[in-house]
Every structure is written in C-alpha cells, then in structure tokens.
Amino acid sequence: MKISRRDKLKIYGDLLLVLNDESKNGRIVLTRVQVKINVPFDRLKKYISELRELGLIEDETSLRLSEKGKQYLRDYGKVLDFMKRMGLEYQ
C-alpha cells in the first residue's frame, strides 16, 4: 500500500484546522497537534514557523489563527467542497 504525499496546501490546511479546533479547547498541546496531522515534531515546528511568517497565525506561542488564517480556512474549505462536487479526491 502506497501512502500518498501531501502538498503544503493540504498540510497547512490540516494544521490550521487542527489549531483552530484545539484553540476552542483552551491550551494547545503540540504533541496532540502533531499526532492529529501526522508529521514529525521538527517538521511541525517548521510549518508553524512558516504559518507565522505568512501571517496565518498570530504568534508561535499562542498559535491563534489570525484573520488571514481564518480566511485561508474558509477559502480552503470552499476549494475542498468544489473538488468533492466535481468528483475529485484530494488527500
């Protein structure tokens, strides 16, 4: 069984979704985030740093989504919905 690689669009989307969900629970635990998006811890830290540089999260300690990050999630959801309606699978 071959495991397909995710591109950055998918990884960023997954990470932002998990961070958004986890922030509703209060404190964000990085190991729980790591398990949910299935990436090594060093790569998770790299992705978080990239999201901060892109302005999608407020800072690396609170990991709250910025307004730009929330907009990314809305647009990402629209893209996934469109692909699903077209019969395309995006993993």
PDB file of N, CA and C in Angstrom:
ATOM      1  N   MET A   1       0.835  -1.175   0.000  1.00  0.00           N
ATOM      2  CA  MET A   1       0.000   0.000   0.000  1.00  0.00           C
ATOM      3  C   MET A   1       0.886   1.247   0.000  1.00  0.00           C
ATOM      4  N   LYS A   2       0.662   2.107  -0.961  1.00  0.00           N
ATOM      5  CA  LYS A   2       1.456   3.327  -1.071  1.00  0.00           C
ATOM      6  C   LYS A   2       0.740   4.478  -0.369  1.00  0.00           C
ATOM      7  N   ILE A   3       1.476   5.190   0.470  1.00  0.00           N
ATOM      8  CA  ILE A   3       0.920   6.351   1.151  1.00  0.00           C
ATOM      9  C   ILE A   3       1.259   7.573   0.313  1.00  0.00           C
ATOM     10  N   SER A   4       0.233   8.316  -0.084  1.00  0.00           N
ATOM     11  CA  SER A   4       0.482   9.483  -0.924  1.00  0.00           C
ATOM     12  C   SER A   4       1.019  10.639  -0.087  1.00  0.00           C
ATOM     13  N   ARG A   5       1.875  11.424  -0.704  1.00  0.00           N
ATOM     14  CA  ARG A   5       2.459  12.585  -0.032  1.00  0.00           C
ATOM     15  C   ARG A   5       1.472  13.742  -0.100  1.00  0.00           C
ATOM     16  N   ARG A   6       1.429  14.517   0.966  1.00  0.00           N
ATOM     17  CA  ARG A   6       0.584  15.705   0.985  1.00  0.00           C
ATOM     18  C   ARG A   6       1.403  16.901   0.546  1.00  0.00           C
ATOM     19  N   ASP A   7       0.775  17.797  -0.186  1.00  0.00           N
ATOM     20  CA  ASP A   7       1.471  19.026  -0.539  1.00  0.00           C
ATOM     21  C   ASP A   7       1.283  20.046   0.585  1.00  0.00           C
ATOM     22  N   LYS A   8       1.977  21.175   0.464  1.00  0.00           N
ATOM     23  CA  LYS A   8       1.923  22.176   1.538  1.00  0.00           C
ATOM     24  C   LYS A   8       0.525  22.748   1.714  1.00  0.00           C
ATOM     25  N   LEU A   9      -0.223  22.890   0.635  1.00  0.00           N
ATOM     26  CA  LEU A   9      -1.595  23.393   0.741  1.00  0.00           C
ATOM     27  C   LEU A   9      -2.396  22.509   1.682  1.00  0.00           C
ATOM     28  N   LYS A  10      -2.280  21.210   1.524  1.00  0.00           N
ATOM     29  CA  LYS A  10      -3.001  20.245   2.348  1.00  0.00           C
ATOM     30  C   LYS A  10      -2.473  20.259   3.785  1.00  0.00           C
ATOM     31  N   ILE A  11      -1.163  20.285   3.946  1.00  0.00           N
ATOM     32  CA  ILE A  11      -0.578  20.286   5.286  1.00  0.00           C
ATOM     33  C   ILE A  11      -0.960  21.557   6.032  1.00  0.00           C
ATOM     34  N   TYR A  12      -0.841  22.709   5.376  1.00  0.00           N
ATOM     35  CA  TYR A  12      -1.227  23.979   6.007  1.00  0.00           C
ATOM     36  C   TYR A  12      -2.711  23.963   6.372  1.00  0.00           C
ATOM     37  N   GLY A  13      -3.543  23.469   5.459  1.00  0.00           N
ATOM     38  CA  GLY A  13      -4.980  23.390   5.740  1.00  0.00           C
ATOM     39  C   GLY A  13      -5.267  22.497   6.932  1.00  0.00           C
ATOM     40  N   ASP A  14      -4.655  21.313   6.944  1.00  0.00           N
ATOM     41  CA  ASP A  14      -4.841  20.380   8.061  1.00  0.00           C
ATOM     42  C   ASP A  14      -4.374  21.003   9.374  1.00  0.00           C
ATOM     43  N   LEU A  15      -3.203  21.635   9.337  1.00  0.00           N
ATOM     44  CA  LEU A  15      -2.638  22.233  10.542  1.00  0.00           C
ATOM     45  C   LEU A  15      -3.514  23.377  11.053  1.00  0.00           C
ATOM     46  N   LEU A  16      -3.970  24.230  10.175  1.00  0.00           N
ATOM     47  CA  LEU A  16      -4.831  25.339  10.595  1.00  0.00           C
ATOM     48  C   LEU A  16      -6.161  24.837  11.147  1.00  0.00           C
ATOM     49  N   LEU A  17      -6.717  23.791  10.529  1.00  0.00           N
ATOM     50  CA  LEU A  17      -7.966  23.215  11.042  1.00  0.00           C
ATOM     51  C   LEU A  17      -7.773  22.677  12.461  1.00  0.00           C
ATOM     52  N   VAL A  18      -6.682  21.949  12.674  1.00  0.00           N
ATOM     53  CA  VAL A  18      -6.417  21.372  13.991  1.00  0.00           C
ATOM     54  C   VAL A  18      -6.149  22.477  15.010  1.00  0.00           C
ATOM     55  N   LEU A  19      -5.343  23.481  14.641  1.00  0.00           N
ATOM     56  CA  LEU A  19      -5.071  24.580  15.565  1.00  0.00           C
ATOM     57  C   LEU A  19      -6.352  25.315  15.930  1.00  0.00           C
ATOM     58  N   ASN A  20      -7.204  25.516  14.946  1.00  0.00           N
ATOM     59  CA  ASN A  20      -8.491  26.186  15.201  1.00  0.00           C
ATOM     60  C   ASN A  20      -9.349  25.361  16.153  1.00  0.00           C
ATOM     61  N   ASP A  21      -9.430  24.054  15.919  1.00  0.00           N
ATOM     62  CA  ASP A  21     -10.211  23.171  16.797  1.00  0.00           C
ATOM     63  C   ASP A  21      -9.610  23.112  18.202  1.00  0.00           C
ATOM     64  N   GLU A  22      -8.295  22.969  18.279  1.00  0.00           N
ATOM     65  CA  GLU A  22      -7.622  22.856  19.574  1.00  0.00           C
ATOM     66  C   GLU A  22      -7.734  24.149  20.381  1.00  0.00           C
ATOM     67  N   SER A  23      -7.750  25.294  19.712  1.00  0.00           N
ATOM     68  CA  SER A  23      -7.825  26.572  20.434  1.00  0.00           C
ATOM     69  C   SER A  23      -9.170  26.725  21.139  1.00  0.00           C
ATOM     70  N   LYS A  24     -10.189  26.032  20.655  1.00  0.00           N
ATOM     71  CA  LYS A  24     -11.510  26.063  21.301  1.00  0.00           C
ATOM     72  C   LYS A  24     -11.479  25.314  22.632  1.00  0.00           C
ATOM     73  N   ASN A  25     -10.533  24.381  22.767  1.00  0.00           N
ATOM     74  CA  ASN A  25     -10.396  23.602  23.997  1.00  0.00           C
ATOM     75  C   ASN A  25      -9.543  24.314  25.037  1.00  0.00           C
ATOM     76  N   GLY A  26      -9.025  25.477  24.683  1.00  0.00           N
ATOM     77  CA  GLY A  26      -8.159  26.200  25.610  1.00  0.00           C
ATOM     78  C   GLY A  26      -6.715  26.097  25.194  1.00  0.00           C
ATOM     79  N   ARG A  27      -5.934  25.401  25.982  1.00  0.00           N
ATOM     80  CA  ARG A  27      -4.499  25.281  25.733  1.00  0.00           C
ATOM     81  C   ARG A  27      -4.204  24.317  24.584  1.00  0.00           C
ATOM     82  N   ILE A  28      -3.304  24.735  23.702  1.00  0.00           N
ATOM     83  CA  ILE A  28      -2.920  23.896  22.571  1.00  0.00           C
ATOM     84  C   ILE A  28      -1.692  23.075  22.965  1.00  0.00           C
ATOM     85  N   VAL A  29      -1.807  21.763  22.807  1.00  0.00           N
ATOM     86  CA  VAL A  29      -0.706  20.853  23.122  1.00  0.00           C
ATOM     87  C   VAL A  29      -0.109  20.384  21.791  1.00  0.00           C
ATOM     88  N   LEU A  30       1.154  20.759  21.560  1.00  0.00           N
ATOM     89  CA  LEU A  30       1.773  20.474  20.263  1.00  0.00           C
ATOM     90  C   LEU A  30       1.861  18.989  19.946  1.00  0.00           C
ATOM     91  N   THR A  31       2.086  18.153  20.949  1.00  0.00           N
ATOM     92  CA  THR A  31       2.156  16.716  20.661  1.00  0.00           C
ATOM     93  C   THR A  31       0.812  16.190  20.163  1.00  0.00           C
ATOM     94  N   ARG A  32      -0.283  16.736  20.694  1.00  0.00           N
ATOM     95  CA  ARG A  32      -1.609  16.327  20.220  1.00  0.00           C
ATOM     96  C   ARG A  32      -1.822  16.807  18.784  1.00  0.00           C
ATOM     97  N   VAL A  33      -1.377  18.014  18.491  1.00  0.00           N
ATOM     98  CA  VAL A  33      -1.460  18.545  17.121  1.00  0.00           C
ATOM     99  C   VAL A  33      -0.627  17.681  16.188  1.00  0.00           C
ATOM    100  N   GLN A  34       0.571  17.340  16.629  1.00  0.00           N
ATOM    101  CA  GLN A  34       1.482  16.512  15.832  1.00  0.00           C
ATOM    102  C   GLN A  34       0.828  15.180  15.456  1.00  0.00           C
ATOM    103  N   VAL A  35       0.201  14.537  16.427  1.00  0.00           N
ATOM    104  CA  VAL A  35      -0.451  13.248  16.185  1.00  0.00           C
ATOM    105  C   VAL A  35      -1.615  13.413  15.210  1.00  0.00           C
ATOM    106  N   LYS A  36      -2.405  14.480  15.391  1.00  0.00           N
ATOM    107  CA  LYS A  36      -3.581  14.675  14.542  1.00  0.00           C
ATOM    108  C   LYS A  36      -3.229  14.940  13.085  1.00  0.00           C
ATOM    109  N   ILE A  37      -2.121  15.664  12.836  1.00  0.00           N
ATOM    110  CA  ILE A  37      -1.776  15.934  11.435  1.00  0.00           C
ATOM    111  C   ILE A  37      -0.714  14.982  10.901  1.00  0.00           C
ATOM    112  N   ASN A  38      -0.187  14.120  11.783  1.00  0.00           N
ATOM    113  CA  ASN A  38       0.725  13.051  11.380  1.00  0.00           C
ATOM    114  C   ASN A  38       1.992  13.561  10.680  1.00  0.00           C
ATOM    115  N   VAL A  39       2.739  14.411  11.388  1.00  0.00           N
ATOM    116  CA  VAL A  39       4.045  14.862  10.907  1.00  0.00           C
ATOM    117  C   VAL A  39       5.052  14.771  12.056  1.00  0.00           C
ATOM    118  N   PRO A  40       6.330  14.601  11.729  1.00  0.00           N
ATOM    119  CA  PRO A  40       7.353  14.604  12.782  1.00  0.00           C
ATOM    120  C   PRO A  40       7.381  15.962  13.488  1.00  0.00           C
ATOM    121  N   PHE A  41       7.794  15.955  14.753  1.00  0.00           N
ATOM    122  CA  PHE A  41       7.751  17.169  15.566  1.00  0.00           C
ATOM    123  C   PHE A  41       8.599  18.299  14.983  1.00  0.00           C
ATOM    124  N   ASP A  42       9.793  17.958  14.458  1.00  0.00           N
ATOM    125  CA  ASP A  42      10.649  19.005  13.891  1.00  0.00           C
ATOM    126  C   ASP A  42      10.000  19.662  12.677  1.00  0.00           C
ATOM    127  N   ARG A  43       9.305  18.874  11.884  1.00  0.00           N
ATOM    128  CA  ARG A  43       8.610  19.430  10.724  1.00  0.00           C
ATOM    129  C   ARG A  43       7.401  20.259  11.153  1.00  0.00           C
ATOM    130  N   LEU A  44       6.724  19.828  12.211  1.00  0.00           N
ATOM    131  CA  LEU A  44       5.599  20.594  12.741  1.00  0.00           C
ATOM    132  C   LEU A  44       6.062  21.987  13.150  1.00  0.00           C
ATOM    133  N   LYS A  45       7.178  22.062  13.867  1.00  0.00           N
ATOM    134  CA  LYS A  45       7.721  23.361  14.289  1.00  0.00           C
ATOM    135  C   LYS A  45       8.046  24.235  13.073  1.00  0.00           C
ATOM    136  N   LYS A  46       8.580  23.613  12.032  1.00  0.00           N
ATOM    137  CA  LYS A  46       8.910  24.338  10.802  1.00  0.00           C
ATOM    138  C   LYS A  46       7.638  24.891  10.155  1.00  0.00           C
ATOM    139  N   TYR A  47       6.593  24.064  10.077  1.00  0.00           N
ATOM    140  CA  TYR A  47       5.331  24.507   9.476  1.00  0.00           C
ATOM    141  C   TYR A  47       4.705  25.639  10.288  1.00  0.00           C
ATOM    142  N   ILE A  48       4.779  25.544  11.603  1.00  0.00           N
ATOM    143  CA  ILE A  48       4.233  26.602  12.462  1.00  0.00           C
ATOM    144  C   ILE A  48       4.983  27.910  12.216  1.00  0.00           C
ATOM    145  N   SER A  49       6.290  27.814  12.095  1.00  0.00           N
ATOM    146  CA  SER A  49       7.097  28.999  11.814  1.00  0.00           C
ATOM    147  C   SER A  49       6.719  29.606  10.458  1.00  0.00           C
ATOM    148  N   GLU A  50       6.514  28.757   9.463  1.00  0.00           N
ATOM    149  CA  GLU A  50       6.117  29.227   8.133  1.00  0.00           C
ATOM    150  C   GLU A  50       4.744  29.896   8.173  1.00  0.00           C
ATOM    151  N   LEU A  51       3.814  29.317   8.925  1.00  0.00           N
ATOM    152  CA  LEU A  51       2.475  29.912   9.036  1.00  0.00           C
ATOM    153  C   LEU A  51       2.535  31.284   9.700  1.00  0.00           C
ATOM    154  N   ARG A  52       3.420  31.424  10.683  1.00  0.00           N
ATOM    155  CA  ARG A  52       3.580  32.724  11.334  1.00  0.00           C
ATOM    156  C   ARG A  52       4.158  33.735  10.355  1.00  0.00           C
ATOM    157  N   GLU A  53       5.168  33.337   9.604  1.00  0.00           N
ATOM    158  CA  GLU A  53       5.787  34.225   8.616  1.00  0.00           C
ATOM    159  C   GLU A  53       4.788  34.647   7.542  1.00  0.00           C
ATOM    160  N   LEU A  54       3.868  33.758   7.201  1.00  0.00           N
ATOM    161  CA  LEU A  54       2.837  34.071   6.204  1.00  0.00           C
ATOM    162  C   LEU A  54       1.699  34.904   6.785  1.00  0.00           C
ATOM    163  N   GLY A  55       1.719  35.090   8.099  1.00  0.00           N
ATOM    164  CA  GLY A  55       0.674  35.874   8.750  1.00  0.00           C
ATOM    165  C   GLY A  55      -0.615  35.107   8.981  1.00  0.00           C
ATOM    166  N   LEU A  56      -0.548  33.777   8.954  1.00  0.00           N
ATOM    167  CA  LEU A  56      -1.748  32.955   9.124  1.00  0.00           C
ATOM    168  C   LEU A  56      -2.028  32.623  10.589  1.00  0.00           C
ATOM    169  N   ILE A  57      -1.001  32.734  11.433  1.00  0.00           N
ATOM    170  CA  ILE A  57      -1.199  32.595  12.875  1.00  0.00           C
ATOM    171  C   ILE A  57      -0.597  33.812  13.559  1.00  0.00           C
ATOM    172  N   GLU A  58      -1.150  34.124  14.753  1.00  0.00           N
ATOM    173  CA  GLU A  58      -0.738  35.327  15.489  1.00  0.00           C
ATOM    174  C   GLU A  58       0.725  35.267  15.918  1.00  0.00           C
ATOM    175  N   ASP A  59       1.090  34.230  16.644  1.00  0.00           N
ATOM    176  CA  ASP A  59       2.477  34.049  17.057  1.00  0.00           C
ATOM    177  C   ASP A  59       2.710  32.577  17.361  1.00  0.00           C
ATOM    178  N   GLU A  60       3.951  32.227  17.587  1.00  0.00           N
ATOM    179  CA  GLU A  60       4.289  30.809  17.757  1.00  0.00           C
ATOM    180  C   GLU A  60       3.980  30.271  19.142  1.00  0.00           C
ATOM    181  N   THR A  61       3.639  31.134  20.089  1.00  0.00           N
ATOM    182  CA  THR A  61       3.346  30.628  21.431  1.00  0.00           C
ATOM    183  C   THR A  61       1.854  30.386  21.628  1.00  0.00           C
ATOM    184  N   SER A  62       1.006  31.332  21.213  1.00  0.00           N
ATOM    185  CA  SER A  62      -0.432  31.130  21.409  1.00  0.00           C
ATOM    186  C   SER A  62      -1.036  30.306  20.278  1.00  0.00           C
ATOM    187  N   LEU A  63      -0.444  30.383  19.093  1.00  0.00           N
ATOM    188  CA  LEU A  63      -0.899  29.640  17.909  1.00  0.00           C
ATOM    189  C   LEU A  63      -2.342  29.948  17.521  1.00  0.00           C
ATOM    190  N   ARG A  64      -2.807  31.156  17.843  1.00  0.00           N
ATOM    191  CA  ARG A  64      -4.145  31.569  17.405  1.00  0.00           C
ATOM    192  C   ARG A  64      -4.118  31.941  15.941  1.00  0.00           C
ATOM    193  N   LEU A  65      -5.179  31.593  15.230  1.00  0.00           N
ATOM    194  CA  LEU A  65      -5.272  31.964  13.831  1.00  0.00           C
ATOM    195  C   LEU A  65      -5.511  33.465  13.713  1.00  0.00           C
ATOM    196  N   SER A  66      -4.806  34.078  12.788  1.00  0.00           N
ATOM    197  CA  SER A  66      -5.033  35.489  12.500  1.00  0.00           C
ATOM    198  C   SER A  66      -6.274  35.574  11.611  1.00  0.00           C
ATOM    199  N   GLU A  67      -6.711  36.776  11.318  1.00  0.00           N
ATOM    200  CA  GLU A  67      -7.844  36.950  10.410  1.00  0.00           C
ATOM    201  C   GLU A  67      -7.503  36.351   9.048  1.00  0.00           C
ATOM    202  N   LYS A  68      -6.255  36.539   8.630  1.00  0.00           N
ATOM    203  CA  LYS A  68      -5.789  35.973   7.357  1.00  0.00           C
ATOM    204  C   LYS A  68      -5.836  34.438   7.406  1.00  0.00           C
ATOM    205  N   GLY A  69      -5.483  33.855   8.545  1.00  0.00           N
ATOM    206  CA  GLY A  69      -5.534  32.403   8.713  1.00  0.00           C
ATOM    207  C   GLY A  69      -6.959  31.881   8.658  1.00  0.00           C
ATOM    208  N   LYS A  70      -7.880  32.618   9.278  1.00  0.00           N
ATOM    209  CA  LYS A  70      -9.297  32.226   9.235  1.00  0.00           C
ATOM    210  C   LYS A  70      -9.833  32.307   7.814  1.00  0.00           C
ATOM    211  N   GLN A  71      -9.404  33.338   7.071  1.00  0.00           N
ATOM    212  CA  GLN A  71      -9.827  33.466   5.671  1.00  0.00           C
ATOM    213  C   GLN A  71      -9.264  32.315   4.837  1.00  0.00           C
ATOM    214  N   TYR A  72      -8.009  31.930   5.108  1.00  0.00           N
ATOM    215  CA  TYR A  72      -7.399  30.797   4.420  1.00  0.00           C
ATOM    216  C   TYR A  72      -8.251  29.543   4.633  1.00  0.00           C
ATOM    217  N   LEU A  73      -8.681  29.309   5.879  1.00  0.00           N
ATOM    218  CA  LEU A  73      -9.507  28.136   6.172  1.00  0.00           C
ATOM    219  C   LEU A  73     -10.834  28.174   5.433  1.00  0.00           C
ATOM    220  N   ARG A  74     -11.456  29.350   5.389  1.00  0.00           N
ATOM    221  CA  ARG A  74     -12.732  29.473   4.657  1.00  0.00           C
ATOM    222  C   ARG A  74     -12.525  29.157   3.175  1.00  0.00           C
ATOM    223  N   ASP A  75     -11.484  29.741   2.586  1.00  0.00           N
ATOM    224  CA  ASP A  75     -11.208  29.506   1.167  1.00  0.00           C
ATOM    225  C   ASP A  75     -10.806  28.055   0.910  1.00  0.00           C
ATOM    226  N   TYR A  76     -10.024  27.497   1.819  1.00  0.00           N
ATOM    227  CA  TYR A  76      -9.593  26.105   1.706  1.00  0.00           C
ATOM    228  C   TYR A  76     -10.818  25.184   1.722  1.00  0.00           C
ATOM    229  N   GLY A  77     -11.760  25.469   2.608  1.00  0.00           N
ATOM    230  CA  GLY A  77     -12.993  24.686   2.675  1.00  0.00           C
ATOM    231  C   GLY A  77     -13.784  24.769   1.384  1.00  0.00           C
ATOM    232  N   LYS A  78     -13.831  25.947   0.783  1.00  0.00           N
ATOM    233  CA  LYS A  78     -14.544  26.124  -0.491  1.00  0.00           C
ATOM    234  C   LYS A  78     -13.885  25.311  -1.600  1.00  0.00           C
ATOM    235  N   VAL A  79     -12.558  25.313  -1.614  1.00  0.00           N
ATOM    236  CA  VAL A  79     -11.827  24.547  -2.629  1.00  0.00           C
ATOM    237  C   VAL A  79     -12.099  23.047  -2.453  1.00  0.00           C
ATOM    238  N   LEU A  80     -12.026  22.561  -1.214  1.00  0.00           N
ATOM    239  CA  LEU A  80     -12.289  21.142  -0.960  1.00  0.00           C
ATOM    240  C   LEU A  80     -13.712  20.766  -1.332  1.00  0.00           C
ATOM    241  N   ASP A  81     -14.671  21.644  -1.009  1.00  0.00           N
ATOM    242  CA  ASP A  81     -16.067  21.397  -1.351  1.00  0.00           C
ATOM    243  C   ASP A  81     -16.250  21.340  -2.871  1.00  0.00           C
ATOM    244  N   PHE A  82     -15.626  22.265  -3.575  1.00  0.00           N
ATOM    245  CA  PHE A  82     -15.709  22.293  -5.034  1.00  0.00           C
ATOM    246  C   PHE A  82     -15.140  21.005  -5.625  1.00  0.00           C
ATOM    247  N   MET A  83     -13.966  20.585  -5.129  1.00  0.00           N
ATOM    248  CA  MET A  83     -13.342  19.374  -5.652  1.00  0.00           C
ATOM    249  C   MET A  83     -14.230  18.152  -5.399  1.00  0.00           C
ATOM    250  N   LYS A  84     -14.845  18.115  -4.227  1.00  0.00           N
ATOM    251  CA  LYS A  84     -15.727  17.000  -3.893  1.00  0.00           C
ATOM    252  C   LYS A  84     -16.928  16.963  -4.848  1.00  0.00           C
ATOM    253  N   ARG A  85     -17.506  18.144  -5.114  1.00  0.00           N
ATOM    254  CA  ARG A  85     -18.659  18.205  -6.025  1.00  0.00           C
ATOM    255  C   ARG A  85     -18.274  17.819  -7.447  1.00  0.00           C
ATOM    256  N   MET A  86     -17.016  18.010  -7.822  1.00  0.00           N
ATOM    257  CA  MET A  86     -16.535  17.654  -9.154  1.00  0.00           C
ATOM    258  C   MET A  86     -16.117  16.190  -9.236  1.00  0.00           C
ATOM    259  N   GLY A  87     -16.206  15.502  -8.096  1.00  0.00           N
ATOM    260  CA  GLY A  87     -15.834  14.090  -8.067  1.00  0.00           C
ATOM    261  C   GLY A  87     -14.342  13.860  -7.954  1.00  0.00           C
ATOM    262  N   LEU A  88     -13.619  14.886  -7.515  1.00  0.00           N
ATOM    263  CA  LEU A  88     -12.163  14.766  -7.347  1.00  0.00           C
ATOM    264  C   LEU A  88     -11.841  14.488  -5.892  1.00  0.00           C
ATOM    265  N   GLU A  89     -10.833  13.668  -5.682  1.00  0.00           N
ATOM    266  CA  GLU A  89     -10.416  13.345  -4.323  1.00  0.00           C
ATOM    267  C   GLU A  89      -9.103  14.050  -4.036  1.00  0.00           C
ATOM    268  N   TYR A  90      -9.032  14.693  -2.880  1.00  0.00           N
ATOM    269  CA  TYR A  90      -7.803  15.421  -2.516  1.00  0.00           C
ATOM    270  C   TYR A  90      -7.343  14.919  -1.160  1.00  0.00           C
ATOM    271  N   GLN A  91      -6.208  14.205  -1.179  1.00  0.00           N
ATOM    272  CA  GLN A  91      -5.693  13.639   0.070  1.00  0.00           C
ATOM    273  C   GLN A  91      -4.357  14.168   0.406  1.00  0.00           C
TER     274      GLN A  91
END
